[in-house]
Amino acid sequence: MKIAACLTSVALFAVAIAAQGAADSDPKATKTPAALPSMQRESLQELSATVTSVDAKTRMIGLRADDGSTGEYEAGPEVKNFAQIKTGDQVVVSYYRGLAAQVKPAGTIASKDVEAVDLAATAAAGEKPAAGIGTAVKATVVIEKVDTQANTVTFKKPDGTSRTLPVQSDEGKAFIKKLKTGDAVDVVYAEAVAVEVKPKK
């Protein structure tokens, strides 16, 4: 199994939950003539590094990134086939982050439930060492204040506490301009990281 599947699974969960949108909560939503505001933002970053040291007893691995920076990291039990890792191996670290939001129909009562899913993937026996972990969380928040000048949004979480966050992306800035106080918004945040040893070329 490809370790990248861990990243893909988290991404698909986020997209699927966000796509449900209004249909989840109110049958009348299908009769709404105007589409409810929504947004989706994803990013996938990859970093290449070279294994500089391996300590079999402590499972510590030394890495040197392409930019020359170095560090030591512990390979947890989820990293299968650890014994195959050798000095000089090329490692690729992939990091995925995704955010999706969908305004719910007017009058919707915000759910206090928080849905979460954790995913893990490891290399099969005989394959190059690899591991991936990911998580995705869905919650409904209630908009309390939108400041389009400062590009911040304040919302009430399912547990009743409030939080103010800066909005930096163009997608996010366009989205908050469509929000108003009292809106219930389904928000899904997902992230995953995968580490894979690549064969030497």
N, C-alpha and C. Protein backbone atom coordinates (compact mmCIF):
# COMPACT_ATOMS: atom_id res chain seq x y z
N MET A 1 0.83 -1.20 0.00
CA MET A 1 0.00 0.00 0.00
C MET A 1 0.87 1.25 0.00
N LYS A 2 0.51 2.22 -0.81
CA LYS A 2 1.23 3.47 -0.85
C LYS A 2 0.92 4.30 0.38
N ILE A 3 1.97 4.86 1.00
CA ILE A 3 1.78 5.69 2.18
C ILE A 3 0.96 6.92 1.83
N ALA A 4 1.07 7.41 0.60
CA ALA A 4 0.32 8.59 0.19
C ALA A 4 -1.18 8.39 0.35
N ALA A 5 -1.62 7.13 0.42
CA ALA A 5 -3.04 6.86 0.60
C ALA A 5 -3.56 7.42 1.91
N CYS A 6 -2.69 7.51 2.92
CA CYS A 6 -3.08 8.10 4.20
C CYS A 6 -3.47 9.56 4.00
N LEU A 7 -2.65 10.29 3.24
CA LEU A 7 -2.95 11.68 2.97
C LEU A 7 -4.24 11.80 2.18
N THR A 8 -4.38 10.95 1.17
CA THR A 8 -5.56 11.01 0.31
C THR A 8 -6.82 10.71 1.09
N SER A 9 -6.77 9.75 2.01
CA SER A 9 -7.95 9.39 2.79
C SER A 9 -8.43 10.55 3.64
N VAL A 10 -7.47 11.26 4.27
CA VAL A 10 -7.84 12.42 5.08
C VAL A 10 -8.45 13.50 4.21
N ALA A 11 -7.86 13.74 3.06
CA ALA A 11 -8.36 14.77 2.15
C ALA A 11 -9.78 14.44 1.69
N LEU A 12 -10.01 13.20 1.33
CA LEU A 12 -11.34 12.80 0.85
C LEU A 12 -12.38 12.91 1.95
N PHE A 13 -12.00 12.60 3.20
CA PHE A 13 -12.93 12.75 4.32
C PHE A 13 -13.36 14.20 4.45
N ALA A 14 -12.39 15.11 4.38
CA ALA A 14 -12.70 16.53 4.52
C ALA A 14 -13.62 17.00 3.41
N VAL A 15 -13.32 16.59 2.18
CA VAL A 15 -14.14 17.01 1.04
C VAL A 15 -15.54 16.45 1.14
N ALA A 16 -15.66 15.18 1.54
CA ALA A 16 -16.97 14.54 1.62
C ALA A 16 -17.85 15.18 2.67
N ILE A 17 -17.28 15.46 3.84
CA ILE A 17 -18.05 16.09 4.91
C ILE A 17 -18.51 17.48 4.51
N ALA A 18 -17.60 18.25 3.91
CA ALA A 18 -17.94 19.61 3.51
C ALA A 18 -19.01 19.61 2.42
N ALA A 19 -18.95 18.62 1.53
CA ALA A 19 -19.89 18.57 0.41
C ALA A 19 -21.32 18.28 0.89
N GLN A 20 -21.46 17.65 2.06
CA GLN A 20 -22.80 17.38 2.58
C GLN A 20 -23.53 18.68 2.85
N GLY A 21 -22.78 19.64 3.42
CA GLY A 21 -23.29 20.99 3.63
C GLY A 21 -24.69 21.04 4.19
N ALA A 22 -25.52 21.80 3.50
CA ALA A 22 -26.87 22.07 3.97
C ALA A 22 -27.74 20.84 3.96
N ALA A 23 -27.47 19.88 3.09
CA ALA A 23 -28.35 18.73 2.95
C ALA A 23 -28.45 17.93 4.23
N ASP A 24 -27.45 18.00 5.09
CA ASP A 24 -27.46 17.23 6.33
C ASP A 24 -28.53 17.68 7.31
N SER A 25 -28.82 18.97 7.32
CA SER A 25 -29.55 19.51 8.44
C SER A 25 -30.98 19.90 8.19
N ASP A 26 -31.34 20.26 6.97
CA ASP A 26 -32.67 20.81 6.74
C ASP A 26 -33.17 20.40 5.36
N PRO A 27 -34.26 19.62 5.28
CA PRO A 27 -34.81 19.22 3.99
C PRO A 27 -35.15 20.42 3.11
N LYS A 28 -35.47 21.55 3.73
CA LYS A 28 -35.83 22.74 2.97
C LYS A 28 -34.63 23.30 2.22
N ALA A 29 -33.42 22.86 2.61
CA ALA A 29 -32.22 23.41 2.00
C ALA A 29 -32.17 23.15 0.51
N THR A 30 -32.79 22.04 0.06
CA THR A 30 -32.75 21.71 -1.36
C THR A 30 -33.60 22.69 -2.17
N LYS A 31 -34.47 23.45 -1.50
CA LYS A 31 -35.32 24.41 -2.18
C LYS A 31 -34.72 25.81 -2.17
N THR A 32 -33.59 25.96 -1.49
CA THR A 32 -32.98 27.27 -1.42
C THR A 32 -32.44 27.65 -2.79
N PRO A 33 -32.89 28.77 -3.37
CA PRO A 33 -32.49 29.12 -4.72
C PRO A 33 -31.02 29.51 -4.82
N ALA A 34 -30.48 30.17 -3.82
CA ALA A 34 -29.09 30.61 -3.87
C ALA A 34 -28.20 29.65 -3.11
N ALA A 35 -27.06 29.34 -3.69
CA ALA A 35 -26.12 28.44 -3.02
C ALA A 35 -25.58 29.09 -1.76
N LEU A 36 -25.47 28.30 -0.70
CA LEU A 36 -24.93 28.81 0.56
C LEU A 36 -23.42 28.95 0.44
N PRO A 37 -22.84 29.98 1.07
CA PRO A 37 -21.39 30.21 0.97
C PRO A 37 -20.58 29.02 1.48
N SER A 38 -19.50 28.74 0.79
CA SER A 38 -18.61 27.66 1.20
C SER A 38 -17.19 27.99 0.72
N MET A 39 -16.24 27.28 1.27
CA MET A 39 -14.85 27.44 0.84
C MET A 39 -14.09 26.15 1.10
N GLN A 40 -13.00 25.97 0.37
CA GLN A 40 -12.14 24.81 0.58
C GLN A 40 -10.71 25.22 0.24
N ARG A 41 -9.79 24.86 1.11
CA ARG A 41 -8.37 25.20 0.88
C ARG A 41 -7.53 24.00 1.28
N GLU A 42 -6.60 23.62 0.40
CA GLU A 42 -5.73 22.49 0.67
C GLU A 42 -4.29 22.84 0.31
N SER A 43 -3.35 22.21 1.00
CA SER A 43 -1.95 22.38 0.66
C SER A 43 -1.21 21.09 0.95
N LEU A 44 -0.25 20.78 0.11
CA LEU A 44 0.57 19.59 0.28
C LEU A 44 2.03 19.99 0.08
N GLN A 45 2.83 19.82 1.10
CA GLN A 45 4.24 20.17 1.04
C GLN A 45 5.09 18.91 1.17
N GLU A 46 6.17 18.87 0.41
CA GLU A 46 7.09 17.75 0.48
C GLU A 46 8.51 18.23 0.77
N LEU A 47 9.21 17.49 1.60
CA LEU A 47 10.58 17.82 1.99
C LEU A 47 11.44 16.59 1.80
N SER A 48 12.56 16.76 1.10
CA SER A 48 13.49 15.65 0.91
C SER A 48 14.65 15.78 1.89
N ALA A 49 15.11 14.64 2.40
CA ALA A 49 16.22 14.64 3.34
C ALA A 49 17.03 13.36 3.15
N THR A 50 18.25 13.38 3.69
CA THR A 50 19.14 12.22 3.62
C THR A 50 19.40 11.72 5.04
N VAL A 51 19.33 10.41 5.23
CA VAL A 51 19.61 9.81 6.53
C VAL A 51 21.12 9.89 6.79
N THR A 52 21.48 10.53 7.89
CA THR A 52 22.91 10.69 8.23
C THR A 52 23.34 9.74 9.34
N SER A 53 22.40 9.23 10.13
CA SER A 53 22.74 8.29 11.20
C SER A 53 21.51 7.49 11.60
N VAL A 54 21.76 6.27 12.08
CA VAL A 54 20.68 5.38 12.53
C VAL A 54 21.12 4.69 13.81
N ASP A 55 20.34 4.80 14.88
CA ASP A 55 20.64 4.11 16.14
C ASP A 55 19.54 3.07 16.37
N ALA A 56 19.89 1.81 16.16
CA ALA A 56 18.91 0.74 16.24
C ALA A 56 18.31 0.59 17.64
N LYS A 57 19.11 0.88 18.68
CA LYS A 57 18.63 0.71 20.05
C LYS A 57 17.59 1.77 20.44
N THR A 58 17.88 3.01 20.10
CA THR A 58 16.98 4.10 20.50
C THR A 58 15.98 4.46 19.40
N ARG A 59 16.18 3.89 18.20
CA ARG A 59 15.34 4.19 17.02
C ARG A 59 15.42 5.67 16.65
N MET A 60 16.55 6.29 16.95
CA MET A 60 16.76 7.67 16.55
C MET A 60 17.41 7.71 15.16
N ILE A 61 16.91 8.64 14.34
CA ILE A 61 17.42 8.80 12.98
C ILE A 61 17.88 10.23 12.78
N GLY A 62 19.09 10.40 12.27
CA GLY A 62 19.59 11.72 11.94
C GLY A 62 19.27 12.04 10.49
N LEU A 63 18.78 13.25 10.23
CA LEU A 63 18.42 13.65 8.87
C LEU A 63 19.08 14.97 8.51
N ARG A 64 19.44 15.10 7.23
CA ARG A 64 19.93 16.37 6.70
C ARG A 64 19.05 16.74 5.51
N ALA A 65 18.36 17.88 5.62
CA ALA A 65 17.48 18.33 4.56
C ALA A 65 18.28 18.91 3.40
N ASP A 66 17.62 19.09 2.28
CA ASP A 66 18.29 19.63 1.10
C ASP A 66 18.86 21.02 1.34
N ASP A 67 18.26 21.76 2.28
CA ASP A 67 18.76 23.12 2.55
C ASP A 67 19.94 23.12 3.52
N GLY A 68 20.39 21.92 3.94
CA GLY A 68 21.54 21.82 4.84
C GLY A 68 21.19 21.71 6.31
N SER A 69 19.95 21.96 6.68
CA SER A 69 19.55 21.85 8.08
C SER A 69 19.54 20.39 8.52
N THR A 70 19.83 20.17 9.80
CA THR A 70 19.91 18.80 10.31
C THR A 70 19.05 18.64 11.57
N GLY A 71 18.78 17.41 11.92
CA GLY A 71 18.01 17.14 13.13
C GLY A 71 17.95 15.65 13.38
N GLU A 72 17.56 15.28 14.61
CA GLU A 72 17.39 13.88 14.97
C GLU A 72 15.93 13.64 15.35
N TYR A 73 15.40 12.51 14.93
CA TYR A 73 14.00 12.20 15.16
C TYR A 73 13.85 10.74 15.58
N GLU A 74 12.85 10.49 16.42
CA GLU A 74 12.60 9.12 16.86
C GLU A 74 11.58 8.47 15.93
N ALA A 75 11.91 7.31 15.43
CA ALA A 75 11.00 6.55 14.58
C ALA A 75 10.14 5.68 15.49
N GLY A 76 8.88 6.04 15.62
CA GLY A 76 7.97 5.31 16.51
C GLY A 76 7.67 3.92 15.99
N PRO A 77 6.91 3.14 16.76
CA PRO A 77 6.59 1.76 16.38
C PRO A 77 5.79 1.67 15.08
N GLU A 78 5.16 2.79 14.67
CA GLU A 78 4.39 2.76 13.43
C GLU A 78 5.29 2.69 12.20
N VAL A 79 6.58 2.99 12.37
CA VAL A 79 7.53 2.89 11.25
C VAL A 79 7.97 1.43 11.15
N LYS A 80 7.37 0.71 10.22
CA LYS A 80 7.69 -0.70 10.05
C LYS A 80 8.98 -0.83 9.24
N ASN A 81 9.59 -2.01 9.30
CA ASN A 81 10.81 -2.31 8.55
C ASN A 81 11.93 -1.33 8.90
N PHE A 82 11.97 -0.91 10.16
CA PHE A 82 12.98 0.05 10.60
C PHE A 82 14.40 -0.44 10.32
N ALA A 83 14.60 -1.75 10.45
CA ALA A 83 15.94 -2.31 10.28
C ALA A 83 16.49 -2.09 8.88
N GLN A 84 15.62 -1.80 7.93
CA GLN A 84 16.08 -1.59 6.55
C GLN A 84 16.69 -0.20 6.34
N ILE A 85 16.43 0.74 7.26
CA ILE A 85 16.91 2.10 7.07
C ILE A 85 18.43 2.14 7.22
N LYS A 86 19.08 2.76 6.24
CA LYS A 86 20.54 2.83 6.23
C LYS A 86 21.00 4.27 6.03
N THR A 87 22.19 4.57 6.52
CA THR A 87 22.80 5.88 6.27
C THR A 87 22.90 6.11 4.76
N GLY A 88 22.48 7.29 4.33
CA GLY A 88 22.50 7.61 2.91
C GLY A 88 21.16 7.45 2.23
N ASP A 89 20.20 6.78 2.89
CA ASP A 89 18.86 6.64 2.32
C ASP A 89 18.22 8.01 2.12
N GLN A 90 17.43 8.11 1.06
CA GLN A 90 16.67 9.33 0.80
C GLN A 90 15.27 9.20 1.42
N VAL A 91 14.86 10.21 2.16
CA VAL A 91 13.57 10.20 2.83
C VAL A 91 12.72 11.36 2.29
N VAL A 92 11.45 11.09 2.05
CA VAL A 92 10.54 12.14 1.63
C VAL A 92 9.45 12.30 2.69
N VAL A 93 9.30 13.51 3.20
CA VAL A 93 8.27 13.81 4.19
C VAL A 93 7.18 14.64 3.50
N SER A 94 5.96 14.15 3.55
CA SER A 94 4.82 14.85 2.94
C SER A 94 3.89 15.34 4.04
N TYR A 95 3.46 16.60 3.93
CA TYR A 95 2.58 17.18 4.95
C TYR A 95 1.37 17.79 4.27
N TYR A 96 0.18 17.30 4.63
CA TYR A 96 -1.07 17.77 4.04
C TYR A 96 -1.89 18.54 5.08
N ARG A 97 -2.45 19.66 4.66
CA ARG A 97 -3.40 20.39 5.49
C ARG A 97 -4.58 20.79 4.64
N GLY A 98 -5.78 20.63 5.17
CA GLY A 98 -6.97 20.99 4.44
C GLY A 98 -8.01 21.63 5.35
N LEU A 99 -8.72 22.61 4.82
CA LEU A 99 -9.77 23.28 5.56
C LEU A 99 -10.96 23.46 4.64
N ALA A 100 -12.13 23.05 5.11
CA ALA A 100 -13.36 23.21 4.34
C ALA A 100 -14.43 23.79 5.26
N ALA A 101 -15.24 24.70 4.72
CA ALA A 101 -16.30 25.32 5.52
C ALA A 101 -17.55 25.48 4.67
N GLN A 102 -18.70 25.30 5.28
CA GLN A 102 -19.98 25.40 4.58
C GLN A 102 -21.01 26.03 5.51
N VAL A 103 -21.61 27.15 5.08
CA VAL A 103 -22.66 27.79 5.86
C VAL A 103 -23.91 26.93 5.80
N LYS A 104 -24.55 26.75 6.95
CA LYS A 104 -25.78 25.95 7.02
C LYS A 104 -27.00 26.86 6.80
N PRO A 105 -28.13 26.28 6.45
CA PRO A 105 -29.33 27.09 6.19
C PRO A 105 -29.72 27.95 7.38
N ALA A 106 -30.32 29.09 7.09
CA ALA A 106 -30.77 30.00 8.15
C ALA A 106 -31.72 29.28 9.09
N GLY A 107 -31.55 29.52 10.39
CA GLY A 107 -32.42 28.90 11.37
C GLY A 107 -31.95 27.54 11.86
N THR A 108 -30.87 27.03 11.28
CA THR A 108 -30.33 25.74 11.71
C THR A 108 -29.79 25.83 13.13
N ILE A 109 -30.14 24.87 13.95
CA ILE A 109 -29.60 24.80 15.31
C ILE A 109 -28.24 24.12 15.25
N ALA A 110 -27.22 24.81 15.72
CA ALA A 110 -25.86 24.27 15.65
C ALA A 110 -25.71 23.03 16.51
N SER A 111 -25.16 21.98 15.94
CA SER A 111 -24.92 20.75 16.68
C SER A 111 -23.75 20.93 17.64
N LYS A 112 -23.84 20.29 18.78
CA LYS A 112 -22.75 20.34 19.75
C LYS A 112 -21.81 19.14 19.60
N ASP A 113 -22.10 18.31 18.61
CA ASP A 113 -21.26 17.13 18.37
C ASP A 113 -19.99 17.53 17.61
N VAL A 114 -18.92 16.81 17.91
CA VAL A 114 -17.66 16.97 17.19
C VAL A 114 -17.27 15.61 16.64
N GLU A 115 -17.15 15.53 15.32
CA GLU A 115 -16.77 14.27 14.68
C GLU A 115 -15.28 14.28 14.40
N ALA A 116 -14.64 13.14 14.62
CA ALA A 116 -13.21 13.05 14.36
C ALA A 116 -12.87 11.66 13.84
N VAL A 117 -11.86 11.61 12.99
CA VAL A 117 -11.38 10.33 12.48
C VAL A 117 -9.86 10.39 12.46
N ASP A 118 -9.24 9.31 12.93
CA ASP A 118 -7.79 9.18 12.90
C ASP A 118 -7.42 8.07 11.93
N LEU A 119 -6.39 8.31 11.16
CA LEU A 119 -5.95 7.34 10.17
C LEU A 119 -4.47 7.04 10.36
N ALA A 120 -4.09 5.82 10.05
CA ALA A 120 -2.69 5.45 10.12
C ALA A 120 -2.39 4.46 9.01
N ALA A 121 -1.18 4.55 8.47
CA ALA A 121 -0.77 3.63 7.41
C ALA A 121 0.70 3.29 7.62
N THR A 122 1.04 2.04 7.35
CA THR A 122 2.43 1.61 7.47
C THR A 122 2.78 0.78 6.24
N ALA A 123 4.07 0.64 6.02
CA ALA A 123 4.53 -0.16 4.89
C ALA A 123 4.27 -1.64 5.15
N ALA A 124 4.04 -2.38 4.09
CA ALA A 124 3.87 -3.82 4.21
C ALA A 124 5.23 -4.48 4.39
N ALA A 125 5.22 -5.70 4.87
CA ALA A 125 6.47 -6.44 5.07
C ALA A 125 7.24 -6.52 3.76
N GLY A 126 8.52 -6.21 3.83
CA GLY A 126 9.37 -6.28 2.65
C GLY A 126 9.48 -4.98 1.88
N GLU A 127 8.55 -4.05 2.11
CA GLU A 127 8.61 -2.77 1.42
C GLU A 127 9.60 -1.84 2.12
N LYS A 128 9.93 -0.73 1.44
CA LYS A 128 10.77 0.28 2.06
C LYS A 128 10.06 0.84 3.28
N PRO A 129 10.80 1.17 4.36
CA PRO A 129 10.18 1.71 5.58
C PRO A 129 9.36 2.95 5.28
N ALA A 130 8.18 3.02 5.89
CA ALA A 130 7.29 4.17 5.68
C ALA A 130 6.22 4.16 6.76
N ALA A 131 5.66 5.35 7.00
CA ALA A 131 4.55 5.47 7.95
C ALA A 131 3.80 6.76 7.66
N GLY A 132 2.53 6.73 7.93
CA GLY A 132 1.72 7.94 7.75
C GLY A 132 0.62 7.98 8.80
N ILE A 133 0.35 9.17 9.32
CA ILE A 133 -0.74 9.36 10.27
C ILE A 133 -1.51 10.60 9.87
N GLY A 134 -2.79 10.59 10.18
CA GLY A 134 -3.61 11.75 9.83
C GLY A 134 -4.83 11.85 10.71
N THR A 135 -5.43 13.01 10.73
CA THR A 135 -6.65 13.21 11.51
C THR A 135 -7.51 14.26 10.82
N ALA A 136 -8.80 14.13 10.98
CA ALA A 136 -9.74 15.11 10.44
C ALA A 136 -10.83 15.33 11.48
N VAL A 137 -11.22 16.57 11.69
CA VAL A 137 -12.21 16.93 12.70
C VAL A 137 -13.28 17.82 12.07
N LYS A 138 -14.53 17.49 12.35
CA LYS A 138 -15.65 18.31 11.88
C LYS A 138 -16.43 18.84 13.07
N ALA A 139 -16.77 20.12 13.03
CA ALA A 139 -17.58 20.73 14.09
C ALA A 139 -18.41 21.86 13.47
N THR A 140 -19.49 22.20 14.13
CA THR A 140 -20.32 23.33 13.70
C THR A 140 -20.08 24.49 14.65
N VAL A 141 -19.69 25.63 14.10
CA VAL A 141 -19.43 26.83 14.90
C VAL A 141 -20.47 27.89 14.55
N VAL A 142 -20.66 28.83 15.46
CA VAL A 142 -21.61 29.93 15.25
C VAL A 142 -20.83 31.24 15.16
N ILE A 143 -21.03 31.96 14.09
CA ILE A 143 -20.31 33.21 13.86
C ILE A 143 -20.80 34.29 14.83
N GLU A 144 -19.85 34.92 15.54
CA GLU A 144 -20.19 35.99 16.48
C GLU A 144 -19.78 37.36 15.95
N LYS A 145 -18.67 37.40 15.19
CA LYS A 145 -18.22 38.69 14.66
C LYS A 145 -17.29 38.46 13.47
N VAL A 146 -17.43 39.31 12.47
CA VAL A 146 -16.55 39.27 11.31
C VAL A 146 -15.96 40.66 11.12
N ASP A 147 -14.63 40.73 11.06
CA ASP A 147 -13.94 42.01 10.85
C ASP A 147 -13.18 41.91 9.53
N THR A 148 -13.76 42.44 8.46
CA THR A 148 -13.13 42.35 7.15
C THR A 148 -11.98 43.32 6.98
N GLN A 149 -11.86 44.29 7.90
CA GLN A 149 -10.73 45.21 7.84
C GLN A 149 -9.48 44.55 8.43
N ALA A 150 -9.66 43.91 9.57
CA ALA A 150 -8.54 43.22 10.23
C ALA A 150 -8.41 41.78 9.73
N ASN A 151 -9.40 41.34 8.93
CA ASN A 151 -9.43 39.96 8.43
C ASN A 151 -9.38 38.95 9.57
N THR A 152 -10.34 39.09 10.48
CA THR A 152 -10.48 38.13 11.57
C THR A 152 -11.94 37.69 11.66
N VAL A 153 -12.15 36.52 12.23
CA VAL A 153 -13.50 36.02 12.45
C VAL A 153 -13.57 35.46 13.86
N THR A 154 -14.63 35.80 14.58
CA THR A 154 -14.85 35.31 15.93
C THR A 154 -16.05 34.37 15.90
N PHE A 155 -15.89 33.19 16.51
CA PHE A 155 -16.97 32.20 16.48
C PHE A 155 -17.06 31.47 17.81
N LYS A 156 -18.24 30.90 18.05
CA LYS A 156 -18.46 30.10 19.25
C LYS A 156 -18.33 28.64 18.89
N LYS A 157 -17.50 27.91 19.65
CA LYS A 157 -17.27 26.50 19.40
C LYS A 157 -18.38 25.67 20.06
N PRO A 158 -18.47 24.37 19.70
CA PRO A 158 -19.52 23.52 20.29
C PRO A 158 -19.50 23.48 21.81
N ASP A 159 -18.33 23.69 22.43
CA ASP A 159 -18.26 23.65 23.89
C ASP A 159 -18.66 24.97 24.54
N GLY A 160 -19.06 25.96 23.71
CA GLY A 160 -19.55 27.22 24.24
C GLY A 160 -18.50 28.31 24.35
N THR A 161 -17.24 27.98 24.16
CA THR A 161 -16.18 28.98 24.23
C THR A 161 -16.05 29.71 22.89
N SER A 162 -15.53 30.92 22.96
CA SER A 162 -15.34 31.72 21.75
C SER A 162 -13.88 31.78 21.36
N ARG A 163 -13.65 31.96 20.06
CA ARG A 163 -12.28 32.05 19.57
C ARG A 163 -12.23 33.01 18.39
N THR A 164 -11.19 33.80 18.32
CA THR A 164 -10.97 34.71 17.20
C THR A 164 -9.74 34.26 16.43
N LEU A 165 -9.90 34.11 15.11
CA LEU A 165 -8.79 33.65 14.29
C LEU A 165 -8.50 34.64 13.17
N PRO A 166 -7.22 34.82 12.82
CA PRO A 166 -6.89 35.64 11.66
C PRO A 166 -7.15 34.83 10.39
N VAL A 167 -7.54 35.51 9.34
CA VAL A 167 -7.79 34.86 8.05
C VAL A 167 -6.78 35.41 7.06
N GLN A 168 -5.92 34.55 6.54
CA GLN A 168 -4.82 35.01 5.71
C GLN A 168 -4.97 34.68 4.23
N SER A 169 -5.63 33.58 3.91
CA SER A 169 -5.73 33.19 2.50
C SER A 169 -6.77 34.02 1.76
N ASP A 170 -6.60 34.13 0.47
CA ASP A 170 -7.57 34.86 -0.36
C ASP A 170 -8.93 34.18 -0.31
N GLU A 171 -8.92 32.83 -0.31
CA GLU A 171 -10.18 32.09 -0.25
C GLU A 171 -10.93 32.41 1.05
N GLY A 172 -10.16 32.44 2.15
CA GLY A 172 -10.77 32.72 3.45
C GLY A 172 -11.31 34.13 3.55
N LYS A 173 -10.57 35.10 3.02
CA LYS A 173 -11.02 36.50 3.07
C LYS A 173 -12.31 36.68 2.27
N ALA A 174 -12.38 36.02 1.12
CA ALA A 174 -13.60 36.11 0.31
C ALA A 174 -14.77 35.44 1.02
N PHE A 175 -14.48 34.35 1.73
CA PHE A 175 -15.53 33.61 2.42
C PHE A 175 -16.12 34.40 3.58
N ILE A 176 -15.26 35.01 4.42
CA ILE A 176 -15.80 35.70 5.60
C ILE A 176 -16.62 36.94 5.23
N LYS A 177 -16.39 37.47 4.02
CA LYS A 177 -17.19 38.61 3.59
C LYS A 177 -18.66 38.23 3.38
N LYS A 178 -18.90 36.94 3.22
CA LYS A 178 -20.26 36.44 3.00
C LYS A 178 -20.94 36.00 4.30
N LEU A 179 -20.18 36.05 5.40
CA LEU A 179 -20.73 35.61 6.68
C LEU A 179 -21.41 36.74 7.43
N LYS A 180 -22.33 36.36 8.30
CA LYS A 180 -22.98 37.34 9.16
C LYS A 180 -23.16 36.74 10.55
N THR A 181 -23.32 37.60 11.53
CA THR A 181 -23.48 37.16 12.91
C THR A 181 -24.66 36.20 13.02
N GLY A 182 -24.44 35.09 13.69
CA GLY A 182 -25.50 34.09 13.88
C GLY A 182 -25.44 32.94 12.91
N ASP A 183 -24.65 33.06 11.85
CA ASP A 183 -24.53 31.97 10.89
C ASP A 183 -23.94 30.74 11.57
N ALA A 184 -24.51 29.57 11.27
CA ALA A 184 -23.93 28.30 11.69
C ALA A 184 -23.10 27.78 10.53
N VAL A 185 -21.87 27.40 10.82
CA VAL A 185 -20.95 26.98 9.76
C VAL A 185 -20.32 25.63 10.11
N ASP A 186 -20.45 24.68 9.19
CA ASP A 186 -19.75 23.41 9.35
C ASP A 186 -18.29 23.62 8.94
N VAL A 187 -17.37 23.25 9.81
CA VAL A 187 -15.94 23.41 9.52
C VAL A 187 -15.26 22.06 9.66
N VAL A 188 -14.45 21.73 8.68
CA VAL A 188 -13.65 20.51 8.72
C VAL A 188 -12.18 20.89 8.59
N TYR A 189 -11.37 20.42 9.54
CA TYR A 189 -9.93 20.65 9.46
C TYR A 189 -9.24 19.29 9.42
N ALA A 190 -8.36 19.12 8.47
CA ALA A 190 -7.67 17.84 8.32
C ALA A 190 -6.18 18.06 8.14
N GLU A 191 -5.39 17.18 8.71
CA GLU A 191 -3.95 17.22 8.47
C GLU A 191 -3.40 15.81 8.54
N ALA A 192 -2.33 15.59 7.78
CA ALA A 192 -1.70 14.28 7.77
C ALA A 192 -0.23 14.45 7.41
N VAL A 193 0.58 13.53 7.91
CA VAL A 193 2.01 13.55 7.58
C VAL A 193 2.44 12.13 7.23
N ALA A 194 3.25 12.01 6.21
CA ALA A 194 3.74 10.70 5.79
C ALA A 194 5.25 10.79 5.58
N VAL A 195 5.96 9.77 6.02
CA VAL A 195 7.40 9.68 5.84
C VAL A 195 7.70 8.39 5.10
N GLU A 196 8.47 8.50 4.02
CA GLU A 196 8.73 7.32 3.19
C GLU A 196 10.19 7.31 2.74
N VAL A 197 10.84 6.18 2.90
CA VAL A 197 12.21 6.00 2.41
C VAL A 197 12.14 5.68 0.92
N LYS A 198 12.83 6.45 0.12
CA LYS A 198 12.82 6.25 -1.32
C LYS A 198 14.06 5.44 -1.72
N PRO A 199 13.90 4.57 -2.71
CA PRO A 199 15.08 3.80 -3.18
C PRO A 199 16.15 4.73 -3.74
N LYS A 200 17.40 4.37 -3.55
CA LYS A 200 18.49 5.17 -4.11
C LYS A 200 18.45 5.08 -5.63
N LYS A 201 18.73 6.22 -6.27
CA LYS A 201 18.73 6.23 -7.74
C LYS A 201 20.15 6.00 -8.25
